Amino acid sequence: MKISEKFKVREMAGEHVVIMPGRCGADMTRILALNESSLYLWESLRGRDFTTGDAAALLTGRYDVDGATAQRDAEAWAAKLAECGVLE
């Protein structure tokens, strides 16, 4: 899977968000907020193909989390991105 290049992260009011593109620019009614670990995964994985295993490895390398928890979190992160149409 891959994060679509048409989506960009923006900082708004101290939060990092993904703005969904609309027909006439950004659709401000559709925003995906990223917490610290989600932003880390986004920045680490954008621009390349990756698996949930790749994302889990990044989580275990940066945070004090076991492999099973990291895999579950990576799968949930990827599922949410897919649900929002962010993944190719």
PDB file of N, CA and C in Angstrom:
ATOM      1  N   MET A   1       0.844  -1.169   0.000  1.00  0.00           N
ATOM      2  CA  MET A   1       0.000   0.000   0.000  1.00  0.00           C
ATOM      3  C   MET A   1       0.890   1.234   0.000  1.00  0.00           C
ATOM      4  N   LYS A   2       0.261   2.370  -0.298  1.00  0.00           N
ATOM      5  CA  LYS A   2       1.025   3.614  -0.391  1.00  0.00           C
ATOM      6  C   LYS A   2       0.091   4.779  -0.072  1.00  0.00           C
ATOM      7  N   ILE A   3       0.606   5.791   0.611  1.00  0.00           N
ATOM      8  CA  ILE A   3      -0.168   6.995   0.879  1.00  0.00           C
ATOM      9  C   ILE A   3      -0.243   7.786  -0.416  1.00  0.00           C
ATOM     10  N   SER A   4      -1.450   8.131  -0.823  1.00  0.00           N
ATOM     11  CA  SER A   4      -1.646   8.887  -2.055  1.00  0.00           C
ATOM     12  C   SER A   4      -0.980  10.252  -1.963  1.00  0.00           C
ATOM     13  N   GLU A   5      -0.315  10.636  -3.026  1.00  0.00           N
ATOM     14  CA  GLU A   5       0.404  11.917  -3.069  1.00  0.00           C
ATOM     15  C   GLU A   5      -0.538  13.119  -3.031  1.00  0.00           C
ATOM     16  N   LYS A   6      -1.817  12.918  -3.311  1.00  0.00           N
ATOM     17  CA  LYS A   6      -2.740  14.058  -3.330  1.00  0.00           C
ATOM     18  C   LYS A   6      -3.125  14.539  -1.937  1.00  0.00           C
ATOM     19  N   PHE A   7      -2.771  13.771  -0.906  1.00  0.00           N
ATOM     20  CA  PHE A   7      -3.069  14.154   0.470  1.00  0.00           C
ATOM     21  C   PHE A   7      -1.834  14.741   1.130  1.00  0.00           C
ATOM     22  N   LYS A   8      -2.019  15.844   1.817  1.00  0.00           N
ATOM     23  CA  LYS A   8      -0.921  16.536   2.499  1.00  0.00           C
ATOM     24  C   LYS A   8      -1.302  16.769   3.953  1.00  0.00           C
ATOM     25  N   VAL A   9      -0.315  16.741   4.821  1.00  0.00           N
ATOM     26  CA  VAL A   9      -0.521  17.054   6.227  1.00  0.00           C
ATOM     27  C   VAL A   9      -0.317  18.551   6.415  1.00  0.00           C
ATOM     28  N   ARG A  10      -1.215  19.139   7.156  1.00  0.00           N
ATOM     29  CA  ARG A  10      -1.119  20.560   7.485  1.00  0.00           C
ATOM     30  C   ARG A  10      -1.227  20.704   8.998  1.00  0.00           C
ATOM     31  N   GLU A  11      -0.618  21.751   9.524  1.00  0.00           N
ATOM     32  CA  GLU A  11      -0.778  22.058  10.946  1.00  0.00           C
ATOM     33  C   GLU A  11      -1.819  23.158  11.070  1.00  0.00           C
ATOM     34  N   MET A  12      -2.838  22.867  11.857  1.00  0.00           N
ATOM     35  CA  MET A  12      -3.917  23.833  12.084  1.00  0.00           C
ATOM     36  C   MET A  12      -4.204  23.879  13.578  1.00  0.00           C
ATOM     37  N   ALA A  13      -4.085  25.050  14.158  1.00  0.00           N
ATOM     38  CA  ALA A  13      -4.378  25.249  15.582  1.00  0.00           C
ATOM     39  C   ALA A  13      -3.616  24.262  16.458  1.00  0.00           C
ATOM     40  N   GLY A  14      -2.359  24.010  16.114  1.00  0.00           N
ATOM     41  CA  GLY A  14      -1.523  23.121  16.903  1.00  0.00           C
ATOM     42  C   GLY A  14      -1.748  21.634  16.667  1.00  0.00           C
ATOM     43  N   GLU A  15      -2.635  21.286  15.759  1.00  0.00           N
ATOM     44  CA  GLU A  15      -2.925  19.888  15.425  1.00  0.00           C
ATOM     45  C   GLU A  15      -2.419  19.589  14.019  1.00  0.00           C
ATOM     46  N   HIS A  16      -1.961  18.362  13.810  1.00  0.00           N
ATOM     47  CA  HIS A  16      -1.586  17.922  12.468  1.00  0.00           C
ATOM     48  C   HIS A  16      -2.769  17.186  11.864  1.00  0.00           C
ATOM     49  N   VAL A  17      -3.201  17.644  10.699  1.00  0.00           N
ATOM     50  CA  VAL A  17      -4.384  17.083  10.060  1.00  0.00           C
ATOM     51  C   VAL A  17      -4.120  16.818   8.588  1.00  0.00           C
ATOM     52  N   VAL A  18      -4.863  15.858   8.068  1.00  0.00           N
ATOM     53  CA  VAL A  18      -4.860  15.582   6.638  1.00  0.00           C
ATOM     54  C   VAL A  18      -6.159  16.173   6.104  1.00  0.00           C
ATOM     55  N   ILE A  19      -6.024  17.071   5.156  1.00  0.00           N
ATOM     56  CA  ILE A  19      -7.190  17.696   4.541  1.00  0.00           C
ATOM     57  C   ILE A  19      -7.543  16.900   3.293  1.00  0.00           C
ATOM     58  N   MET A  20      -8.792  16.514   3.187  1.00  0.00           N
ATOM     59  CA  MET A  20      -9.235  15.755   2.025  1.00  0.00           C
ATOM     60  C   MET A  20      -9.487  16.719   0.863  1.00  0.00           C
ATOM     61  N   PRO A  21      -8.924  16.435  -0.302  1.00  0.00           N
ATOM     62  CA  PRO A  21      -9.156  17.328  -1.438  1.00  0.00           C
ATOM     63  C   PRO A  21     -10.623  17.277  -1.871  1.00  0.00           C
ATOM     64  N   GLY A  22     -11.143  18.433  -2.217  1.00  0.00           N
ATOM     65  CA  GLY A  22     -12.508  18.524  -2.719  1.00  0.00           C
ATOM     66  C   GLY A  22     -12.500  18.905  -4.190  1.00  0.00           C
ATOM     67  N   ARG A  23     -13.684  19.118  -4.728  1.00  0.00           N
ATOM     68  CA  ARG A  23     -13.780  19.470  -6.147  1.00  0.00           C
ATOM     69  C   ARG A  23     -13.186  20.840  -6.442  1.00  0.00           C
ATOM     70  N   CYS A  24     -13.281  21.759  -5.508  1.00  0.00           N
ATOM     71  CA  CYS A  24     -12.777  23.120  -5.713  1.00  0.00           C
ATOM     72  C   CYS A  24     -11.745  23.477  -4.660  1.00  0.00           C
ATOM     73  N   GLY A  25     -10.796  22.592  -4.440  1.00  0.00           N
ATOM     74  CA  GLY A  25      -9.781  22.823  -3.414  1.00  0.00           C
ATOM     75  C   GLY A  25      -9.985  21.875  -2.249  1.00  0.00           C
ATOM     76  N   ALA A  26      -9.564  22.299  -1.079  1.00  0.00           N
ATOM     77  CA  ALA A  26      -9.653  21.455   0.118  1.00  0.00           C
ATOM     78  C   ALA A  26     -11.082  21.409   0.636  1.00  0.00           C
ATOM     79  N   ASP A  27     -11.508  20.235   1.041  1.00  0.00           N
ATOM     80  CA  ASP A  27     -12.817  20.040   1.650  1.00  0.00           C
ATOM     81  C   ASP A  27     -12.628  20.116   3.156  1.00  0.00           C
ATOM     82  N   MET A  28     -12.892  21.257   3.742  1.00  0.00           N
ATOM     83  CA  MET A  28     -12.650  21.473   5.167  1.00  0.00           C
ATOM     84  C   MET A  28     -13.654  20.729   6.049  1.00  0.00           C
ATOM     85  N   THR A  29     -14.649  20.096   5.451  1.00  0.00           N
ATOM     86  CA  THR A  29     -15.584  19.298   6.244  1.00  0.00           C
ATOM     87  C   THR A  29     -15.066  17.877   6.442  1.00  0.00           C
ATOM     88  N   ARG A  30     -13.989  17.522   5.756  1.00  0.00           N
ATOM     89  CA  ARG A  30     -13.428  16.178   5.859  1.00  0.00           C
ATOM     90  C   ARG A  30     -11.967  16.282   6.247  1.00  0.00           C
ATOM     91  N   ILE A  31     -11.709  16.165   7.542  1.00  0.00           N
ATOM     92  CA  ILE A  31     -10.357  16.305   8.071  1.00  0.00           C
ATOM     93  C   ILE A  31     -10.030  15.065   8.902  1.00  0.00           C
ATOM     94  N   LEU A  32      -8.829  14.557   8.723  1.00  0.00           N
ATOM     95  CA  LEU A  32      -8.336  13.414   9.488  1.00  0.00           C
ATOM     96  C   LEU A  32      -7.217  13.917  10.402  1.00  0.00           C
ATOM     97  N   ALA A  33      -7.431  13.864  11.712  1.00  0.00           N
ATOM     98  CA  ALA A  33      -6.434  14.327  12.678  1.00  0.00           C
ATOM     99  C   ALA A  33      -5.410  13.227  12.935  1.00  0.00           C
ATOM    100  N   LEU A  34      -4.147  13.614  13.059  1.00  0.00           N
ATOM    101  CA  LEU A  34      -3.068  12.667  13.319  1.00  0.00           C
ATOM    102  C   LEU A  34      -2.467  12.933  14.696  1.00  0.00           C
ATOM    103  N   ASN A  35      -2.392  11.892  15.522  1.00  0.00           N
ATOM    104  CA  ASN A  35      -1.693  12.036  16.791  1.00  0.00           C
ATOM    105  C   ASN A  35      -0.193  11.877  16.530  1.00  0.00           C
ATOM    106  N   GLU A  36       0.611  11.917  17.570  1.00  0.00           N
ATOM    107  CA  GLU A  36       2.066  11.887  17.409  1.00  0.00           C
ATOM    108  C   GLU A  36       2.546  10.640  16.665  1.00  0.00           C
ATOM    109  N   SER A  37       2.065   9.479  17.046  1.00  0.00           N
ATOM    110  CA  SER A  37       2.537   8.247  16.393  1.00  0.00           C
ATOM    111  C   SER A  37       2.011   8.131  14.961  1.00  0.00           C
ATOM    112  N   SER A  38       0.781   8.586  14.711  1.00  0.00           N
ATOM    113  CA  SER A  38       0.243   8.571  13.348  1.00  0.00           C
ATOM    114  C   SER A  38       1.034   9.498  12.433  1.00  0.00           C
ATOM    115  N   LEU A  39       1.388  10.664  12.945  1.00  0.00           N
ATOM    116  CA  LEU A  39       2.195  11.606  12.172  1.00  0.00           C
ATOM    117  C   LEU A  39       3.569  11.016  11.878  1.00  0.00           C
ATOM    118  N   TYR A  40       4.158  10.361  12.871  1.00  0.00           N
ATOM    119  CA  TYR A  40       5.464   9.712  12.682  1.00  0.00           C
ATOM    120  C   TYR A  40       5.388   8.667  11.572  1.00  0.00           C
ATOM    121  N   LEU A  41       4.353   7.834  11.597  1.00  0.00           N
ATOM    122  CA  LEU A  41       4.202   6.824  10.544  1.00  0.00           C
ATOM    123  C   LEU A  41       3.998   7.485   9.190  1.00  0.00           C
ATOM    124  N   TRP A  42       3.144   8.500   9.131  1.00  0.00           N
ATOM    125  CA  TRP A  42       2.879   9.215   7.879  1.00  0.00           C
ATOM    126  C   TRP A  42       4.180   9.760   7.293  1.00  0.00           C
ATOM    127  N   GLU A  43       4.946  10.474   8.107  1.00  0.00           N
ATOM    128  CA  GLU A  43       6.180  11.085   7.613  1.00  0.00           C
ATOM    129  C   GLU A  43       7.231  10.042   7.239  1.00  0.00           C
ATOM    130  N   SER A  44       7.261   8.930   7.945  1.00  0.00           N
ATOM    131  CA  SER A  44       8.244   7.882   7.674  1.00  0.00           C
ATOM    132  C   SER A  44       7.908   7.062   6.436  1.00  0.00           C
ATOM    133  N   LEU A  45       6.615   6.927   6.137  1.00  0.00           N
ATOM    134  CA  LEU A  45       6.199   6.004   5.081  1.00  0.00           C
ATOM    135  C   LEU A  45       5.689   6.675   3.806  1.00  0.00           C
ATOM    136  N   ARG A  46       5.427   7.973   3.831  1.00  0.00           N
ATOM    137  CA  ARG A  46       4.897   8.623   2.624  1.00  0.00           C
ATOM    138  C   ARG A  46       5.920   8.527   1.490  1.00  0.00           C
ATOM    139  N   GLY A  47       5.399   8.387   0.292  1.00  0.00           N
ATOM    140  CA  GLY A  47       6.256   8.339  -0.882  1.00  0.00           C
ATOM    141  C   GLY A  47       6.808   6.965  -1.204  1.00  0.00           C
ATOM    142  N   ARG A  48       6.418   5.932  -0.440  1.00  0.00           N
ATOM    143  CA  ARG A  48       6.916   4.584  -0.753  1.00  0.00           C
ATOM    144  C   ARG A  48       5.861   3.539  -0.418  1.00  0.00           C
ATOM    145  N   ASP A  49       5.995   2.388  -1.049  1.00  0.00           N
ATOM    146  CA  ASP A  49       5.126   1.264  -0.726  1.00  0.00           C
ATOM    147  C   ASP A  49       5.524   0.708   0.631  1.00  0.00           C
ATOM    148  N   PHE A  50       4.529   0.288   1.410  1.00  0.00           N
ATOM    149  CA  PHE A  50       4.810  -0.269   2.730  1.00  0.00           C
ATOM    150  C   PHE A  50       3.734  -1.278   3.111  1.00  0.00           C
ATOM    151  N   THR A  51       4.039  -2.047   4.125  1.00  0.00           N
ATOM    152  CA  THR A  51       3.090  -2.999   4.688  1.00  0.00           C
ATOM    153  C   THR A  51       2.796  -2.588   6.131  1.00  0.00           C
ATOM    154  N   THR A  52       1.803  -3.216   6.735  1.00  0.00           N
ATOM    155  CA  THR A  52       1.561  -2.938   8.143  1.00  0.00           C
ATOM    156  C   THR A  52       2.730  -3.438   8.986  1.00  0.00           C
ATOM    157  N   GLY A  53       3.438  -4.439   8.505  1.00  0.00           N
ATOM    158  CA  GLY A  53       4.637  -4.903   9.194  1.00  0.00           C
ATOM    159  C   GLY A  53       5.716  -3.836   9.232  1.00  0.00           C
ATOM    160  N   ASP A  54       5.860  -3.096   8.133  1.00  0.00           N
ATOM    161  CA  ASP A  54       6.815  -1.979   8.101  1.00  0.00           C
ATOM    162  C   ASP A  54       6.432  -0.922   9.138  1.00  0.00           C
ATOM    163  N   ALA A  55       5.143  -0.609   9.196  1.00  0.00           N
ATOM    164  CA  ALA A  55       4.665   0.393  10.152  1.00  0.00           C
ATOM    165  C   ALA A  55       4.872  -0.102  11.583  1.00  0.00           C
ATOM    166  N   ALA A  56       4.591  -1.371  11.835  1.00  0.00           N
ATOM    167  CA  ALA A  56       4.775  -1.938  13.171  1.00  0.00           C
ATOM    168  C   ALA A  56       6.243  -1.880  13.587  1.00  0.00           C
ATOM    169  N   ALA A  57       7.147  -2.162  12.655  1.00  0.00           N
ATOM    170  CA  ALA A  57       8.583  -2.104  12.961  1.00  0.00           C
ATOM    171  C   ALA A  57       8.999  -0.687  13.345  1.00  0.00           C
ATOM    172  N   LEU A  58       8.440   0.308  12.672  1.00  0.00           N
ATOM    173  CA  LEU A  58       8.734   1.699  13.031  1.00  0.00           C
ATOM    174  C   LEU A  58       8.241   2.004  14.442  1.00  0.00           C
ATOM    175  N   LEU A  59       7.050   1.512  14.775  1.00  0.00           N
ATOM    176  CA  LEU A  59       6.495   1.763  16.104  1.00  0.00           C
ATOM    177  C   LEU A  59       7.327   1.114  17.201  1.00  0.00           C
ATOM    178  N   THR A  60       7.749  -0.130  16.994  1.00  0.00           N
ATOM    179  CA  THR A  60       8.544  -0.803  18.022  1.00  0.00           C
ATOM    180  C   THR A  60       9.930  -0.170  18.145  1.00  0.00           C
ATOM    181  N   GLY A  61      10.439   0.390  17.047  1.00  0.00           N
ATOM    182  CA  GLY A  61      11.742   1.038  17.090  1.00  0.00           C
ATOM    183  C   GLY A  61      11.732   2.377  17.795  1.00  0.00           C
ATOM    184  N   ARG A  62      10.589   3.035  17.824  1.00  0.00           N
ATOM    185  CA  ARG A  62      10.523   4.378  18.398  1.00  0.00           C
ATOM    186  C   ARG A  62       9.841   4.422  19.766  1.00  0.00           C
ATOM    187  N   TYR A  63       8.870   3.550  19.964  1.00  0.00           N
ATOM    188  CA  TYR A  63       8.082   3.581  21.194  1.00  0.00           C
ATOM    189  C   TYR A  63       8.295   2.307  22.003  1.00  0.00           C
ATOM    190  N   ASP A  64       8.023   2.390  23.272  1.00  0.00           N
ATOM    191  CA  ASP A  64       8.140   1.241  24.162  1.00  0.00           C
ATOM    192  C   ASP A  64       6.861   0.411  24.050  1.00  0.00           C
ATOM    193  N   VAL A  65       6.791  -0.389  22.988  1.00  0.00           N
ATOM    194  CA  VAL A  65       5.600  -1.188  22.712  1.00  0.00           C
ATOM    195  C   VAL A  65       6.039  -2.549  22.180  1.00  0.00           C
ATOM    196  N   ASP A  66       5.308  -3.588  22.553  1.00  0.00           N
ATOM    197  CA  ASP A  66       5.657  -4.930  22.075  1.00  0.00           C
ATOM    198  C   ASP A  66       5.184  -5.115  20.632  1.00  0.00           C
ATOM    199  N   GLY A  67       5.717  -6.127  19.985  1.00  0.00           N
ATOM    200  CA  GLY A  67       5.443  -6.367  18.575  1.00  0.00           C
ATOM    201  C   GLY A  67       3.975  -6.599  18.259  1.00  0.00           C
ATOM    202  N   ALA A  68       3.273  -7.340  19.110  1.00  0.00           N
ATOM    203  CA  ALA A  68       1.853  -7.626  18.859  1.00  0.00           C
ATOM    204  C   ALA A  68       1.011  -6.356  18.943  1.00  0.00           C
ATOM    205  N   THR A  69       1.300  -5.535  19.933  1.00  0.00           N
ATOM    206  CA  THR A  69       0.571  -4.270  20.064  1.00  0.00           C
ATOM    207  C   THR A  69       0.883  -3.351  18.895  1.00  0.00           C
ATOM    208  N   ALA A  70       2.141  -3.275  18.511  1.00  0.00           N
ATOM    209  CA  ALA A  70       2.538  -2.434  17.377  1.00  0.00           C
ATOM    210  C   ALA A  70       1.854  -2.902  16.093  1.00  0.00           C
ATOM    211  N   GLN A  71       1.780  -4.203  15.883  1.00  0.00           N
ATOM    212  CA  GLN A  71       1.128  -4.730  14.679  1.00  0.00           C
ATOM    213  C   GLN A  71      -0.359  -4.387  14.684  1.00  0.00           C
ATOM    214  N   ARG A  72      -1.003  -4.557  15.812  1.00  0.00           N
ATOM    215  CA  ARG A  72      -2.433  -4.234  15.925  1.00  0.00           C
ATOM    216  C   ARG A  72      -2.662  -2.743  15.664  1.00  0.00           C
ATOM    217  N   ASP A  73      -1.810  -1.891  16.240  1.00  0.00           N
ATOM    218  CA  ASP A  73      -1.938  -0.447  16.026  1.00  0.00           C
ATOM    219  C   ASP A  73      -1.668  -0.072  14.572  1.00  0.00           C
ATOM    220  N   ALA A  74      -0.680  -0.692  13.953  1.00  0.00           N
ATOM    221  CA  ALA A  74      -0.362  -0.425  12.544  1.00  0.00           C
ATOM    222  C   ALA A  74      -1.517  -0.833  11.648  1.00  0.00           C
ATOM    223  N   GLU A  75      -2.130  -1.957  11.938  1.00  0.00           N
ATOM    224  CA  GLU A  75      -3.287  -2.407  11.146  1.00  0.00           C
ATOM    225  C   GLU A  75      -4.460  -1.451  11.297  1.00  0.00           C
ATOM    226  N   ALA A  76      -4.704  -0.969  12.526  1.00  0.00           N
ATOM    227  CA  ALA A  76      -5.788  -0.011  12.758  1.00  0.00           C
ATOM    228  C   ALA A  76      -5.508   1.310  12.037  1.00  0.00           C
ATOM    229  N   TRP A  77      -4.249   1.765  12.063  1.00  0.00           N
ATOM    230  CA  TRP A  77      -3.855   3.001  11.377  1.00  0.00           C
ATOM    231  C   TRP A  77      -4.082   2.875   9.868  1.00  0.00           C
ATOM    232  N   ALA A  78      -3.615   1.776   9.300  1.00  0.00           N
ATOM    233  CA  ALA A  78      -3.777   1.563   7.855  1.00  0.00           C
ATOM    234  C   ALA A  78      -5.248   1.419   7.485  1.00  0.00           C
ATOM    235  N   ALA A  79      -6.025   0.755   8.322  1.00  0.00           N
ATOM    236  CA  ALA A  79      -7.456   0.586   8.048  1.00  0.00           C
ATOM    237  C   ALA A  79      -8.174   1.933   8.040  1.00  0.00           C
ATOM    238  N   LYS A  80      -7.805   2.810   8.960  1.00  0.00           N
ATOM    239  CA  LYS A  80      -8.437   4.138   9.010  1.00  0.00           C
ATOM    240  C   LYS A  80      -8.052   4.941   7.775  1.00  0.00           C
ATOM    241  N   LEU A  81      -6.790   4.888   7.365  1.00  0.00           N
ATOM    242  CA  LEU A  81      -6.376   5.592   6.156  1.00  0.00           C
ATOM    243  C   LEU A  81      -7.108   5.044   4.930  1.00  0.00           C
ATOM    244  N   ALA A  82      -7.256   3.732   4.868  1.00  0.00           N
ATOM    245  CA  ALA A  82      -7.971   3.121   3.748  1.00  0.00           C
ATOM    246  C   ALA A  82      -9.436   3.545   3.749  1.00  0.00           C
ATOM    247  N   GLU A  83     -10.043   3.541   4.915  1.00  0.00           N
ATOM    248  CA  GLU A  83     -11.451   3.952   5.054  1.00  0.00           C
ATOM    249  C   GLU A  83     -11.661   5.384   4.554  1.00  0.00           C
ATOM    250  N   CYS A  84     -10.677   6.224   4.772  1.00  0.00           N
ATOM    251  CA  CYS A  84     -10.765   7.633   4.355  1.00  0.00           C
ATOM    252  C   CYS A  84     -10.302   7.841   2.907  1.00  0.00           C
ATOM    253  N   GLY A  85      -9.882   6.769   2.237  1.00  0.00           N
ATOM    254  CA  GLY A  85      -9.472   6.876   0.839  1.00  0.00           C
ATOM    255  C   GLY A  85      -8.095   7.450   0.636  1.00  0.00           C
ATOM    256  N   VAL A  86      -7.253   7.387   1.668  1.00  0.00           N
ATOM    257  CA  VAL A  86      -5.923   7.993   1.604  1.00  0.00           C
ATOM    258  C   VAL A  86      -4.892   7.050   0.981  1.00  0.00           C
ATOM    259  N   LEU A  87      -5.154   5.749   1.027  1.00  0.00           N
ATOM    260  CA  LEU A  87      -4.188   4.779   0.509  1.00  0.00           C
ATOM    261  C   LEU A  87      -4.479   4.406  -0.934  1.00  0.00           C
ATOM    262  N   GLU A  88      -3.413   4.139  -1.665  1.00  0.00           N
ATOM    263  CA  GLU A  88      -3.525   3.656  -3.053  1.00  0.00           C
ATOM    264  C   GLU A  88      -3.419   2.151  -3.046  1.00  0.00           C
TER     265      GLU A  88
END
